[in-house]
Amino acid sequence: MRLFLDINVILDVLADRKPWVGKSAAVLSLLDHADVDGLVAAHSITTLFYLVSKHLGRKQALRSSSTSWTTSA
């Protein structure tokens, strides 16, 4: 199964935005299953960095962006 992730789901978890963080984390946890692939629009990566920088500061945004992002063919 493939899940196309809305940028807000990822942002909720990265920025610990309440009250949505719990449900968004549950959606992201679906990606732990081998048969589930998560997809985002290409522009989402830079947009996420910009928004996290605005919300949490550049230092935290750099920490958040150091997580592993993988692609599958």
Protein backbone atom coordinates (compact mmCIF):
# COMPACT_ATOMS: atom_id res chain seq x y z
CA MET A 1 0.00 0.00 0.00
CA ARG A 2 1.14 3.55 -0.68
CA LEU A 3 0.23 6.53 1.48
CA PHE A 4 0.54 10.02 0.07
CA LEU A 5 1.27 12.11 3.15
CA ASP A 6 -0.06 15.60 3.56
CA ILE A 7 2.63 18.01 4.73
CA ASN A 8 0.59 18.83 7.85
CA VAL A 9 0.78 15.23 9.09
CA ILE A 10 4.57 15.38 9.05
CA LEU A 11 4.66 18.89 10.47
CA ASP A 12 2.36 17.90 13.34
CA VAL A 13 4.89 15.30 14.47
CA LEU A 14 8.06 17.33 13.83
CA ALA A 15 6.72 20.40 15.63
CA ASP A 16 4.74 18.45 18.28
CA ARG A 17 1.61 20.40 17.30
CA LYS A 18 -1.21 19.74 19.67
CA PRO A 19 -3.91 18.43 19.49
CA TRP A 20 -3.01 16.73 16.18
CA VAL A 21 0.33 15.13 17.03
CA GLY A 22 -1.20 11.90 18.35
CA LYS A 23 -3.27 11.09 15.29
CA SER A 24 -0.53 12.21 12.91
CA ALA A 25 2.01 10.02 14.71
CA ALA A 26 -0.40 7.10 14.36
CA VAL A 27 -0.56 7.68 10.60
CA LEU A 28 3.23 7.86 10.36
CA SER A 29 3.56 4.67 12.41
CA LEU A 30 1.82 2.83 9.58
CA LEU A 31 5.07 3.30 7.64
CA ASP A 32 6.76 0.83 10.01
CA HIS A 33 5.05 -1.98 8.14
CA ALA A 34 7.04 -3.47 5.28
CA ASP A 35 4.07 -3.35 2.91
CA VAL A 36 3.41 0.39 3.39
CA ASP A 37 5.33 3.09 1.51
CA GLY A 38 5.03 6.77 2.38
CA LEU A 39 5.10 9.35 -0.38
CA VAL A 40 5.32 13.15 -0.25
CA ALA A 41 5.34 15.77 -2.96
CA ALA A 42 8.87 16.81 -3.92
CA HIS A 43 8.30 20.37 -2.77
CA SER A 44 7.24 19.16 0.67
CA ILE A 45 10.81 18.63 1.86
CA THR A 46 11.88 22.25 1.47
CA THR A 47 8.50 23.51 2.65
CA LEU A 48 8.76 21.39 5.79
CA PHE A 49 12.23 22.74 6.53
CA TYR A 50 10.99 26.30 6.09
CA LEU A 51 7.94 25.79 8.32
CA VAL A 52 9.84 23.96 11.05
CA SER A 53 12.46 26.73 10.96
CA LYS A 54 9.74 29.33 11.45
CA HIS A 55 8.05 27.35 14.22
CA LEU A 56 11.02 25.90 16.13
CA GLY A 57 14.04 27.82 14.87
CA ARG A 58 16.75 26.92 12.39
CA LYS A 59 18.77 24.81 14.84
CA GLN A 60 15.83 22.51 15.63
CA ALA A 61 14.87 22.37 11.95
CA LEU A 62 18.36 21.12 11.13
CA ARG A 63 18.04 18.48 13.85
CA SER A 64 14.64 17.41 12.54
CA SER A 65 15.89 17.19 8.97
CA SER A 66 18.76 14.88 9.94
CA THR A 67 16.36 11.94 10.13
CA SER A 68 16.63 9.29 7.45
CA TRP A 69 14.52 9.84 4.35
CA THR A 70 14.53 6.90 2.00
CA THR A 71 13.00 6.29 -1.37
CA SER A 72 11.89 3.08 -2.96
CA ALA A 73 11.59 2.20 -6.59
